[in-house]
Each structure stands twice: as structure tokens, then as C-alpha cells.
Amino acid sequence: MADICTQGVDTGFVGLGYAKVAFLGVVQGITELLPISSTAHMRIVPAVLGWQDPGSAFSAAMQLAALAAVVSYFWSDVREIVFGSLDALTRRDFADRHFRLALWIVLATIPIVIAGVALSGVLNACNSPLRSLTVIGWACIAMAILLALAEIFASHRRTVAEASLADALLVGVAQIGALIPGVSRSGSTLTAALGLGFKRAEAARFSFLLGLPAIALAGLKELWELHKVHLDAHGWSVLAVGLVVASVSAFFAIWGLMRVLERFSAWPFVIYRGVLGVVLLLSVAMGWLV
């Protein structure tokens, strides 16, 4: 179905109504924090069900649901970093580990902010070429290969306590890949952290903590864009339903991801992404999905 634009902003989610947006909120919440690409699923699920594409604005605003889930799940880490770094500032102890990690998180956010601003005219525009199923399919396959290589060749020995500024910056640069639909923020950062030798669960923890500012900025920016185009009260209420549902499902998605990584490996996600990418490309080639 055609995209719905409001002054250049993709607002297809408004026409879906509360029930459909709540359903997509569950899908978005689960896939946003698993390394399988929420954007891919936000294009695939509505297409399969014959629904209106909820649009890039919906996916971007749903970052706030992911933010709430990550902060809730890793609250002890977030609290230590925030209050520990503030305490270090008052003591002027710039060598404090909490202050250093907070500074690294800020510095690691700079690359994706620069890239996001540079590509802002394309990323969330109506009919963006980056949201084509072909792009998403190839991105899924590429990330499946990279994640597989990280699983095979990484040492899986390091912890977040052993992280360095270089580690933070490299994972921060990897976040840029999340701007391409099908790559996945958690997928790109988890792959980078695994490649740097972190234990699987520690790699996920490190990538989520480093991604907090970027997730918050992306979500708040999209809310501002929706405000600027004067989204009506009905549109805001539909979005609110999606946010609440996605927050709950995202929390359980993190819980599930951590259990899988602690007890097994990232191979289930490698296989899923690879199969998804191939099915997408075949579906486009056969004309089943457009």
C-alpha cells in the first residue's frame, strides 16, 4: 500500500488504528533489541498481512520504547554510571571508572549523530529507497555473515570492566550501520563487541549501554518531527499505544536475548537473519512482496 505523508514525514501508522499498532508494537519491541532488525520486520509483517506500512516515523519513535526497556533492565548499571560519574565530577576524579565509561558513551555517540544528520533527508522521508525490501534483504544477509564470523573467530573472554576507549569508539562507529534498514542497531553493535573479544552476554550489555544516548536522541528527534507537522491528538494516542506495548515486549526481548547469549551463542540469530534475507530477496524476485 502507498505511504501516507504529512509534510514529508511518513505517518502511515496513524491509519492503522489502535489494535494493529498494538500488534506491531509487540513486533517492534521484540525485534528492536534482538539482533534481527526491527525495520525489516516493520516492512515485512504489514506487507504479509496486507496492512499499510506504519512508516519510518513509527520505527524511529519506537526507539523510546527500547530506551525504557534498556534502562529498566540495566538499571543498576545505568544508576552506577550516572551517579558514579556525577560523584567523580564533584571530586574532580577524572580517572574514576564510572566517569570514564560515561565519557566514552558520549564520545561513541558522536559518529551516529553526524551520520544521522547527514542522512536525515533520506532516512525517514516518505518512499525512502533505504526502506526497500531488496536493501533490507541484502542487509540481513550481510549482517548474518558478519555475526557468524564474530562467533567463529572471537575469543569471548573480555568483560565490560576491561573495556577501553578504543572499544567504545569502534562499537560507536558500528552503530552507524543501524541507519541502514535491515542491519539492526543491536546487531551491528553486538557484532562489533563480539569481534573485540567480549563474552557474549557482556558484548550485549556493552552495546546496549553505549547505545542509550543514540536511542534516546533518535526517538526524541522523531517526536519533535511529528510535533512540527502538527500530528493530531488521534495520531499521538495511536503512537502512545504502540510505545507502551513495545516497551513491555522490548523488556522481555532483552531478557530472552541475555538468556540465549549466556547459555548458548548468537548462532540462532545468524541463521534467522540469513534465512530472512534469502526469503525476502526471493519474495521480491517472485513478485510476492513489493
C-alpha atoms as a PDB file:
ATOM      1  CA  MET A   1       0.000   0.000   0.000  1.00  0.00           C
ATOM      2  CA  ALA A   2       1.107   3.566  -0.563  1.00  0.00           C
ATOM      3  CA  ASP A   3       2.884   5.534   2.119  1.00  0.00           C
ATOM      4  CA  ILE A   4       0.998   8.292   3.929  1.00  0.00           C
ATOM      5  CA  CYS A   5       2.918  11.550   4.167  1.00  0.00           C
ATOM      6  CA  THR A   6       2.364  14.554   6.379  1.00  0.00           C
ATOM      7  CA  GLN A   7       4.533  17.401   5.111  1.00  0.00           C
ATOM      8  CA  GLY A   8       7.190  14.923   4.050  1.00  0.00           C
ATOM      9  CA  VAL A   9       7.057  12.829   7.246  1.00  0.00           C
ATOM     10  CA  ASP A  10       5.958   9.205   6.870  1.00  0.00           C
ATOM     11  CA  THR A  11       2.935   8.805   9.178  1.00  0.00           C
ATOM     12  CA  GLY A  12       1.399   5.601   7.883  1.00  0.00           C
ATOM     13  CA  PHE A  13       0.906   4.277  11.410  1.00  0.00           C
ATOM     14  CA  VAL A  14      -1.982   6.684  12.094  1.00  0.00           C
ATOM     15  CA  GLY A  15      -4.295   4.971   9.625  1.00  0.00           C
ATOM     16  CA  LEU A  16      -3.692   1.547  11.127  1.00  0.00           C
ATOM     17  CA  GLY A  17      -5.629   2.240  14.320  1.00  0.00           C
ATOM     18  CA  TYR A  18      -5.055   1.089  17.880  1.00  0.00           C
ATOM     19  CA  ALA A  19      -5.326  -2.703  17.539  1.00  0.00           C
ATOM     20  CA  LYS A  20      -2.977  -3.016  14.562  1.00  0.00           C
ATOM     21  CA  VAL A  21      -0.463  -0.587  16.064  1.00  0.00           C
ATOM     22  CA  ALA A  22      -0.555  -2.526  19.341  1.00  0.00           C
ATOM     23  CA  PHE A  23       0.207  -5.729  17.419  1.00  0.00           C
ATOM     24  CA  LEU A  24       3.035  -4.015  15.551  1.00  0.00           C
ATOM     25  CA  GLY A  25       4.224  -2.605  18.875  1.00  0.00           C
ATOM     26  CA  VAL A  26       4.774  -6.161  20.102  1.00  0.00           C
ATOM     27  CA  VAL A  27       6.711  -6.994  16.926  1.00  0.00           C
ATOM     28  CA  GLN A  28       8.689  -3.755  17.110  1.00  0.00           C
ATOM     29  CA  GLY A  29       9.523  -4.206  20.789  1.00  0.00           C
ATOM     30  CA  ILE A  30      10.773  -7.762  20.324  1.00  0.00           C
ATOM     31  CA  THR A  31      12.782  -7.111  17.177  1.00  0.00           C
ATOM     32  CA  GLU A  32      14.174  -3.692  18.161  1.00  0.00           C
ATOM     33  CA  LEU A  33      16.547  -5.132  20.757  1.00  0.00           C
ATOM     34  CA  LEU A  34      17.202  -8.544  19.234  1.00  0.00           C
ATOM     35  CA  PRO A  35      19.915  -8.565  16.536  1.00  0.00           C
ATOM     36  CA  ILE A  36      17.393  -9.295  13.776  1.00  0.00           C
ATOM     37  CA  SER A  37      16.349  -5.789  12.600  1.00  0.00           C
ATOM     38  CA  SER A  38      13.082  -4.199  13.683  1.00  0.00           C
ATOM     39  CA  THR A  39      12.883  -2.157  10.471  1.00  0.00           C
ATOM     40  CA  ALA A  40      12.917  -5.346   8.416  1.00  0.00           C
ATOM     41  CA  HIS A  41      10.018  -6.737  10.405  1.00  0.00           C
ATOM     42  CA  MET A  42       8.101  -3.446  10.278  1.00  0.00           C
ATOM     43  CA  ARG A  43       8.219  -3.717   6.486  1.00  0.00           C
ATOM     44  CA  ILE A  44       7.602  -7.466   6.248  1.00  0.00           C
ATOM     45  CA  VAL A  45       4.769  -8.033   8.755  1.00  0.00           C
ATOM     46  CA  PRO A  46       2.430  -5.318   7.403  1.00  0.00           C
ATOM     47  CA  ALA A  47       3.209  -6.367   3.822  1.00  0.00           C
ATOM     48  CA  VAL A  48       2.345 -10.006   4.556  1.00  0.00           C
ATOM     49  CA  LEU A  49      -0.859  -9.011   6.383  1.00  0.00           C
ATOM     50  CA  GLY A  50      -1.847  -6.528   3.675  1.00  0.00           C
ATOM     51  CA  TRP A  51      -1.666  -3.558   6.047  1.00  0.00           C
ATOM     52  CA  GLN A  52      -0.469  -0.011   5.476  1.00  0.00           C
ATOM     53  CA  ASP A  53       3.274   0.395   6.062  1.00  0.00           C
ATOM     54  CA  PRO A  54       3.478   2.078   9.506  1.00  0.00           C
ATOM     55  CA  GLY A  55       6.311   4.179   8.133  1.00  0.00           C
ATOM     56  CA  SER A  56       9.781   5.162   9.228  1.00  0.00           C
ATOM     57  CA  ALA A  57       8.449   7.731  11.709  1.00  0.00           C
ATOM     58  CA  PHE A  58       6.818   4.924  13.696  1.00  0.00           C
ATOM     59  CA  SER A  59      10.031   2.874  13.791  1.00  0.00           C
ATOM     60  CA  ALA A  60      12.084   5.901  14.848  1.00  0.00           C
ATOM     61  CA  ALA A  61       9.670   6.988  17.583  1.00  0.00           C
ATOM     62  CA  MET A  62       9.600   3.432  18.927  1.00  0.00           C
ATOM     63  CA  GLN A  63      13.237   3.961  19.925  1.00  0.00           C
ATOM     64  CA  LEU A  64      11.817   5.452  23.122  1.00  0.00           C
ATOM     65  CA  ALA A  65      10.225   2.109  23.931  1.00  0.00           C
ATOM     66  CA  ALA A  66      13.615   0.476  23.513  1.00  0.00           C
ATOM     67  CA  LEU A  67      15.137   3.178  25.725  1.00  0.00           C
ATOM     68  CA  ALA A  68      12.660   2.461  28.513  1.00  0.00           C
ATOM     69  CA  ALA A  69      13.324  -1.274  28.279  1.00  0.00           C
ATOM     70  CA  VAL A  70      17.125  -0.953  28.284  1.00  0.00           C
ATOM     71  CA  VAL A  71      17.155   1.494  31.201  1.00  0.00           C
ATOM     72  CA  SER A  72      14.789  -0.749  33.176  1.00  0.00           C
ATOM     73  CA  TYR A  73      16.687  -3.964  32.526  1.00  0.00           C
ATOM     74  CA  PHE A  74      20.151  -2.474  33.094  1.00  0.00           C
ATOM     75  CA  TRP A  75      19.035  -0.054  35.804  1.00  0.00           C
ATOM     76  CA  SER A  76      21.832  -0.992  38.199  1.00  0.00           C
ATOM     77  CA  ASP A  77      24.432  -0.274  35.505  1.00  0.00           C
ATOM     78  CA  VAL A  78      22.744   2.968  34.447  1.00  0.00           C
ATOM     79  CA  ARG A  79      22.458   4.145  38.051  1.00  0.00           C
ATOM     80  CA  GLU A  80      26.113   3.402  38.756  1.00  0.00           C
ATOM     81  CA  ILE A  81      27.273   5.194  35.619  1.00  0.00           C
ATOM     82  CA  VAL A  82      25.111   8.298  36.160  1.00  0.00           C
ATOM     83  CA  PHE A  83      25.575   8.793  39.887  1.00  0.00           C
ATOM     84  CA  GLY A  84      29.128   7.461  39.898  1.00  0.00           C
ATOM     85  CA  SER A  85      30.221   9.888  37.186  1.00  0.00           C
ATOM     86  CA  LEU A  86      28.459  12.815  38.885  1.00  0.00           C
ATOM     87  CA  ASP A  87      30.188  11.955  42.149  1.00  0.00           C
ATOM     88  CA  ALA A  88      33.514  11.726  40.315  1.00  0.00           C
ATOM     89  CA  LEU A  89      32.914  15.181  38.835  1.00  0.00           C
ATOM     90  CA  THR A  90      32.345  16.724  42.245  1.00  0.00           C
ATOM     91  CA  ARG A  91      35.579  15.107  43.445  1.00  0.00           C
ATOM     92  CA  ARG A  92      37.349  16.033  40.183  1.00  0.00           C
ATOM     93  CA  ASP A  93      38.392  12.405  39.914  1.00  0.00           C
ATOM     94  CA  PHE A  94      38.510  12.118  36.125  1.00  0.00           C
ATOM     95  CA  ALA A  95      40.207   8.732  36.359  1.00  0.00           C
ATOM     96  CA  ASP A  96      37.127   7.227  38.027  1.00  0.00           C
ATOM     97  CA  ARG A  97      35.863   4.217  36.049  1.00  0.00           C
ATOM     98  CA  HIS A  98      32.261   5.439  36.062  1.00  0.00           C
ATOM     99  CA  PHE A  99      33.251   8.853  34.739  1.00  0.00           C
ATOM    100  CA  ARG A 100      35.427   7.318  32.051  1.00  0.00           C
ATOM    101  CA  LEU A 101      32.655   4.992  30.885  1.00  0.00           C
ATOM    102  CA  ALA A 102      30.140   7.861  30.808  1.00  0.00           C
ATOM    103  CA  LEU A 103      32.580   9.945  28.751  1.00  0.00           C
ATOM    104  CA  TRP A 104      33.207   7.033  26.395  1.00  0.00           C
ATOM    105  CA  ILE A 105      29.463   6.580  25.873  1.00  0.00           C
ATOM    106  CA  VAL A 106      29.135  10.248  24.916  1.00  0.00           C
ATOM    107  CA  LEU A 107      32.110  10.076  22.535  1.00  0.00           C
ATOM    108  CA  ALA A 108      30.833   6.824  21.000  1.00  0.00           C
ATOM    109  CA  THR A 109      27.544   8.551  20.163  1.00  0.00           C
ATOM    110  CA  ILE A 110      29.165  11.272  18.030  1.00  0.00           C
ATOM    111  CA  PRO A 111      29.656   9.144  14.858  1.00  0.00           C
ATOM    112  CA  ILE A 112      25.996   8.140  14.539  1.00  0.00           C
ATOM    113  CA  VAL A 113      24.817  11.673  15.318  1.00  0.00           C
ATOM    114  CA  ILE A 114      26.952  13.047  12.483  1.00  0.00           C
ATOM    115  CA  ALA A 115      25.819  10.306  10.098  1.00  0.00           C
ATOM    116  CA  GLY A 116      22.175  10.690  11.141  1.00  0.00           C
ATOM    117  CA  VAL A 117      22.209  14.430  10.485  1.00  0.00           C
ATOM    118  CA  ALA A 118      23.949  13.943   7.142  1.00  0.00           C
ATOM    119  CA  LEU A 119      21.365  11.360   6.019  1.00  0.00           C
ATOM    120  CA  SER A 120      18.312  12.916   7.685  1.00  0.00           C
ATOM    121  CA  GLY A 121      16.809  13.903   4.343  1.00  0.00           C
ATOM    122  CA  VAL A 122      16.710  10.268   3.229  1.00  0.00           C
ATOM    123  CA  LEU A 123      16.268   8.158   6.346  1.00  0.00           C
ATOM    124  CA  ASN A 124      12.717   8.995   7.428  1.00  0.00           C
ATOM    125  CA  ALA A 125      11.360  10.505   4.226  1.00  0.00           C
ATOM    126  CA  CYS A 126       8.319   9.096   2.508  1.00  0.00           C
ATOM    127  CA  ASN A 127       9.180   6.421  -0.058  1.00  0.00           C
ATOM    128  CA  SER A 128      12.772   6.309   1.179  1.00  0.00           C
ATOM    129  CA  PRO A 129      14.821   4.000  -1.083  1.00  0.00           C
ATOM    130  CA  LEU A 130      16.563   2.656   2.018  1.00  0.00           C
ATOM    131  CA  ARG A 131      13.317   1.005   3.137  1.00  0.00           C
ATOM    132  CA  SER A 132      13.058  -1.168   0.034  1.00  0.00           C
ATOM    133  CA  LEU A 133      12.775  -4.883   0.736  1.00  0.00           C
ATOM    134  CA  THR A 134      15.767  -5.551  -1.535  1.00  0.00           C
ATOM    135  CA  VAL A 135      18.028  -3.308   0.570  1.00  0.00           C
ATOM    136  CA  ILE A 136      16.700  -4.895   3.757  1.00  0.00           C
ATOM    137  CA  GLY A 137      17.214  -8.425   2.394  1.00  0.00           C
ATOM    138  CA  TRP A 138      20.840  -7.836   1.430  1.00  0.00           C
ATOM    139  CA  ALA A 139      21.497  -6.085   4.754  1.00  0.00           C
ATOM    140  CA  CYS A 140      20.116  -9.091   6.650  1.00  0.00           C
ATOM    141  CA  ILE A 141      22.399 -11.468   4.761  1.00  0.00           C
ATOM    142  CA  ALA A 142      25.467  -9.244   5.170  1.00  0.00           C
ATOM    143  CA  MET A 143      24.943  -8.939   8.930  1.00  0.00           C
ATOM    144  CA  ALA A 144      24.328 -12.688   9.243  1.00  0.00           C
ATOM    145  CA  ILE A 145      27.740 -13.291   7.669  1.00  0.00           C
ATOM    146  CA  LEU A 146      29.485 -10.723   9.894  1.00  0.00           C
ATOM    147  CA  LEU A 147      27.835 -12.055  13.065  1.00  0.00           C
ATOM    148  CA  ALA A 148      28.819 -15.603  12.081  1.00  0.00           C
ATOM    149  CA  LEU A 149      32.450 -14.514  11.607  1.00  0.00           C
ATOM    150  CA  ALA A 150      32.395 -12.852  15.029  1.00  0.00           C
ATOM    151  CA  GLU A 151      31.098 -16.067  16.597  1.00  0.00           C
ATOM    152  CA  ILE A 152      33.745 -18.196  14.865  1.00  0.00           C
ATOM    153  CA  PHE A 153      36.856 -16.083  15.343  1.00  0.00           C
ATOM    154  CA  ALA A 154      36.207 -14.047  18.534  1.00  0.00           C
ATOM    155  CA  SER A 155      37.767 -15.072  21.835  1.00  0.00           C
ATOM    156  CA  HIS A 156      34.675 -14.383  24.025  1.00  0.00           C
ATOM    157  CA  ARG A 157      36.812 -13.634  27.086  1.00  0.00           C
ATOM    158  CA  ARG A 158      36.568  -9.933  27.933  1.00  0.00           C
ATOM    159  CA  THR A 159      34.153  -8.112  30.260  1.00  0.00           C
ATOM    160  CA  VAL A 160      32.787  -4.561  30.268  1.00  0.00           C
ATOM    161  CA  ALA A 161      35.146  -3.737  33.146  1.00  0.00           C
ATOM    162  CA  GLU A 162      38.046  -4.392  30.752  1.00  0.00           C
ATOM    163  CA  ALA A 163      36.699  -2.136  28.006  1.00  0.00           C
ATOM    164  CA  SER A 164      38.782   0.737  26.653  1.00  0.00           C
ATOM    165  CA  LEU A 165      38.093   3.997  24.848  1.00  0.00           C
ATOM    166  CA  ALA A 166      39.084   2.323  21.577  1.00  0.00           C
ATOM    167  CA  ASP A 167      36.462  -0.403  22.184  1.00  0.00           C
ATOM    168  CA  ALA A 168      33.778   2.207  22.815  1.00  0.00           C
ATOM    169  CA  LEU A 169      34.653   4.193  19.707  1.00  0.00           C
ATOM    170  CA  LEU A 170      34.682   1.108  17.486  1.00  0.00           C
ATOM    171  CA  VAL A 171      31.280  -0.020  18.737  1.00  0.00           C
ATOM    172  CA  GLY A 172      30.099   3.574  18.330  1.00  0.00           C
ATOM    173  CA  VAL A 173      31.191   3.604  14.692  1.00  0.00           C
ATOM    174  CA  ALA A 174      29.413   0.265  14.210  1.00  0.00           C
ATOM    175  CA  GLN A 175      26.170   1.977  15.283  1.00  0.00           C
ATOM    176  CA  ILE A 176      26.196   3.908  12.011  1.00  0.00           C
ATOM    177  CA  GLY A 177      25.239   0.683  10.261  1.00  0.00           C
ATOM    178  CA  ALA A 178      21.936   0.791  12.161  1.00  0.00           C
ATOM    179  CA  LEU A 179      20.852   3.678   9.920  1.00  0.00           C
ATOM    180  CA  ILE A 180      20.515   1.163   7.081  1.00  0.00           C
ATOM    181  CA  PRO A 181      17.233  -0.767   7.416  1.00  0.00           C
ATOM    182  CA  GLY A 182      17.912  -4.458   7.889  1.00  0.00           C
ATOM    183  CA  VAL A 183      21.228  -4.010   9.683  1.00  0.00           C
ATOM    184  CA  SER A 184      19.857  -3.555  13.240  1.00  0.00           C
ATOM    185  CA  ARG A 185      21.414  -1.384  15.930  1.00  0.00           C
ATOM    186  CA  SER A 186      21.780  -4.291  18.347  1.00  0.00           C
ATOM    187  CA  GLY A 187      23.034  -6.474  15.503  1.00  0.00           C
ATOM    188  CA  SER A 188      25.783  -4.094  14.390  1.00  0.00           C
ATOM    189  CA  THR A 189      26.944  -3.190  17.897  1.00  0.00           C
ATOM    190  CA  LEU A 190      26.734  -6.759  19.213  1.00  0.00           C
ATOM    191  CA  THR A 191      28.752  -7.991  16.237  1.00  0.00           C
ATOM    192  CA  ALA A 192      31.397  -5.313  16.834  1.00  0.00           C
ATOM    193  CA  ALA A 193      31.618  -6.086  20.556  1.00  0.00           C
ATOM    194  CA  LEU A 194      31.902  -9.821  19.901  1.00  0.00           C
ATOM    195  CA  GLY A 195      34.607  -9.112  17.337  1.00  0.00           C
ATOM    196  CA  LEU A 196      36.523  -7.207  20.018  1.00  0.00           C
ATOM    197  CA  GLY A 197      36.604 -10.333  22.152  1.00  0.00           C
ATOM    198  CA  PHE A 198      33.864  -9.668  24.708  1.00  0.00           C
ATOM    199  CA  LYS A 199      31.900 -12.517  26.239  1.00  0.00           C
ATOM    200  CA  ARG A 200      28.524 -12.877  24.543  1.00  0.00           C
ATOM    201  CA  ALA A 201      26.373 -11.505  27.387  1.00  0.00           C
ATOM    202  CA  GLU A 202      28.966  -8.823  28.150  1.00  0.00           C
ATOM    203  CA  ALA A 203      29.005  -7.822  24.482  1.00  0.00           C
ATOM    204  CA  ALA A 204      25.232  -7.308  24.586  1.00  0.00           C
ATOM    205  CA  ARG A 205      25.461  -5.351  27.838  1.00  0.00           C
ATOM    206  CA  PHE A 206      28.241  -3.136  26.459  1.00  0.00           C
ATOM    207  CA  SER A 207      26.399  -2.492  23.191  1.00  0.00           C
ATOM    208  CA  PHE A 208      23.124  -1.616  24.938  1.00  0.00           C
ATOM    209  CA  LEU A 209      24.775   0.798  27.381  1.00  0.00           C
ATOM    210  CA  LEU A 210      26.717   2.521  24.600  1.00  0.00           C
ATOM    211  CA  GLY A 211      23.570   2.813  22.529  1.00  0.00           C
ATOM    212  CA  LEU A 212      21.458   4.603  25.154  1.00  0.00           C
ATOM    213  CA  PRO A 213      22.163   8.206  24.040  1.00  0.00           C
ATOM    214  CA  ALA A 214      21.707   7.347  20.347  1.00  0.00           C
ATOM    215  CA  ILE A 215      18.436   5.536  21.067  1.00  0.00           C
ATOM    216  CA  ALA A 216      17.164   8.482  23.117  1.00  0.00           C
ATOM    217  CA  LEU A 217      18.190  11.080  20.528  1.00  0.00           C
ATOM    218  CA  ALA A 218      16.616   9.129  17.648  1.00  0.00           C
ATOM    219  CA  GLY A 219      13.307   8.755  19.469  1.00  0.00           C
ATOM    220  CA  LEU A 220      13.126  12.342  20.716  1.00  0.00           C
ATOM    221  CA  LYS A 221      14.070  13.710  17.310  1.00  0.00           C
ATOM    222  CA  GLU A 222      11.212  11.828  15.693  1.00  0.00           C
ATOM    223  CA  LEU A 223       8.741  13.056  18.304  1.00  0.00           C
ATOM    224  CA  TRP A 224       9.873  16.584  17.508  1.00  0.00           C
ATOM    225  CA  GLU A 225       9.413  15.968  13.780  1.00  0.00           C
ATOM    226  CA  LEU A 226       5.878  14.695  14.421  1.00  0.00           C
ATOM    227  CA  HIS A 227       5.197  17.752  16.570  1.00  0.00           C
ATOM    228  CA  LYS A 228       6.414  20.061  13.799  1.00  0.00           C
ATOM    229  CA  VAL A 229       3.998  18.543  11.275  1.00  0.00           C
ATOM    230  CA  HIS A 230       1.157  19.001  13.798  1.00  0.00           C
ATOM    231  CA  LEU A 231       0.242  15.370  14.307  1.00  0.00           C
ATOM    232  CA  ASP A 232      -3.289  15.420  15.707  1.00  0.00           C
ATOM    233  CA  ALA A 233      -4.470  14.030  19.048  1.00  0.00           C
ATOM    234  CA  HIS A 234      -5.661  10.790  17.451  1.00  0.00           C
ATOM    235  CA  GLY A 235      -2.225  10.245  15.899  1.00  0.00           C
ATOM    236  CA  TRP A 236      -0.481  10.849  19.213  1.00  0.00           C
ATOM    237  CA  SER A 237      -2.807   8.452  21.027  1.00  0.00           C
ATOM    238  CA  VAL A 238      -2.183   5.740  18.427  1.00  0.00           C
ATOM    239  CA  LEU A 239       1.566   6.260  18.808  1.00  0.00           C
ATOM    240  CA  ALA A 240       1.255   6.143  22.614  1.00  0.00           C
ATOM    241  CA  VAL A 241      -0.406   2.721  22.428  1.00  0.00           C
ATOM    242  CA  GLY A 242       2.442   1.440  20.296  1.00  0.00           C
ATOM    243  CA  LEU A 243       5.044   2.866  22.690  1.00  0.00           C
ATOM    244  CA  VAL A 244       3.527   1.272  25.791  1.00  0.00           C
ATOM    245  CA  VAL A 245       3.124  -2.156  24.190  1.00  0.00           C
ATOM    246  CA  ALA A 246       6.577  -2.018  22.605  1.00  0.00           C
ATOM    247  CA  SER A 247       8.202  -1.075  25.938  1.00  0.00           C
ATOM    248  CA  VAL A 248       6.856  -4.188  27.637  1.00  0.00           C
ATOM    249  CA  SER A 249       7.729  -6.533  24.791  1.00  0.00           C
ATOM    250  CA  ALA A 250      11.198  -4.971  24.440  1.00  0.00           C
ATOM    251  CA  PHE A 251      11.954  -5.673  28.111  1.00  0.00           C
ATOM    252  CA  PHE A 252      11.177  -9.360  27.667  1.00  0.00           C
ATOM    253  CA  ALA A 253      13.173  -9.371  24.423  1.00  0.00           C
ATOM    254  CA  ILE A 254      16.282  -8.227  26.330  1.00  0.00           C
ATOM    255  CA  TRP A 255      15.670 -10.877  28.955  1.00  0.00           C
ATOM    256  CA  GLY A 256      15.413 -13.552  26.279  1.00  0.00           C
ATOM    257  CA  LEU A 257      18.480 -12.299  24.413  1.00  0.00           C
ATOM    258  CA  MET A 258      20.620 -12.356  27.542  1.00  0.00           C
ATOM    259  CA  ARG A 259      19.487 -15.898  28.386  1.00  0.00           C
ATOM    260  CA  VAL A 260      20.325 -17.128  24.876  1.00  0.00           C
ATOM    261  CA  LEU A 261      23.754 -15.469  24.867  1.00  0.00           C
ATOM    262  CA  GLU A 262      24.598 -16.677  28.387  1.00  0.00           C
ATOM    263  CA  ARG A 263      23.642 -20.296  27.734  1.00  0.00           C
ATOM    264  CA  PHE A 264      24.208 -20.753  24.022  1.00  0.00           C
ATOM    265  CA  SER A 265      25.551 -18.361  21.365  1.00  0.00           C
ATOM    266  CA  ALA A 266      24.487 -15.890  18.675  1.00  0.00           C
ATOM    267  CA  TRP A 267      24.086 -18.676  16.092  1.00  0.00           C
ATOM    268  CA  PRO A 268      20.249 -18.750  16.298  1.00  0.00           C
ATOM    269  CA  PHE A 269      20.242 -15.101  15.209  1.00  0.00           C
ATOM    270  CA  VAL A 270      22.776 -15.774  12.455  1.00  0.00           C
ATOM    271  CA  ILE A 271      20.566 -18.498  10.996  1.00  0.00           C
ATOM    272  CA  TYR A 272      17.379 -16.457  11.378  1.00  0.00           C
ATOM    273  CA  ARG A 273      18.878 -13.383   9.701  1.00  0.00           C
ATOM    274  CA  GLY A 274      20.322 -15.398   6.847  1.00  0.00           C
ATOM    275  CA  VAL A 275      17.060 -17.212   6.140  1.00  0.00           C
ATOM    276  CA  LEU A 276      15.084 -13.977   6.449  1.00  0.00           C
ATOM    277  CA  GLY A 277      17.329 -12.198   3.955  1.00  0.00           C
ATOM    278  CA  VAL A 278      17.112 -15.005   1.406  1.00  0.00           C
ATOM    279  CA  VAL A 279      13.314 -15.274   1.765  1.00  0.00           C
ATOM    280  CA  LEU A 280      12.974 -11.514   1.317  1.00  0.00           C
ATOM    281  CA  LEU A 281      15.060 -11.437  -1.852  1.00  0.00           C
ATOM    282  CA  LEU A 282      13.214 -14.428  -3.287  1.00  0.00           C
ATOM    283  CA  SER A 283       9.845 -12.885  -2.419  1.00  0.00           C
ATOM    284  CA  VAL A 284      10.770  -9.662  -4.196  1.00  0.00           C
ATOM    285  CA  ALA A 285      12.142 -11.533  -7.222  1.00  0.00           C
ATOM    286  CA  MET A 286       8.974 -13.642  -7.467  1.00  0.00           C
ATOM    287  CA  GLY A 287       6.722 -10.625  -7.010  1.00  0.00           C
ATOM    288  CA  TRP A 288       5.187 -11.897  -3.762  1.00  0.00           C
ATOM    289  CA  LEU A 289       6.252  -8.804  -1.826  1.00  0.00           C
ATOM    290  CA  VAL A 290       6.969  -5.292  -3.047  1.00  0.00           C
END
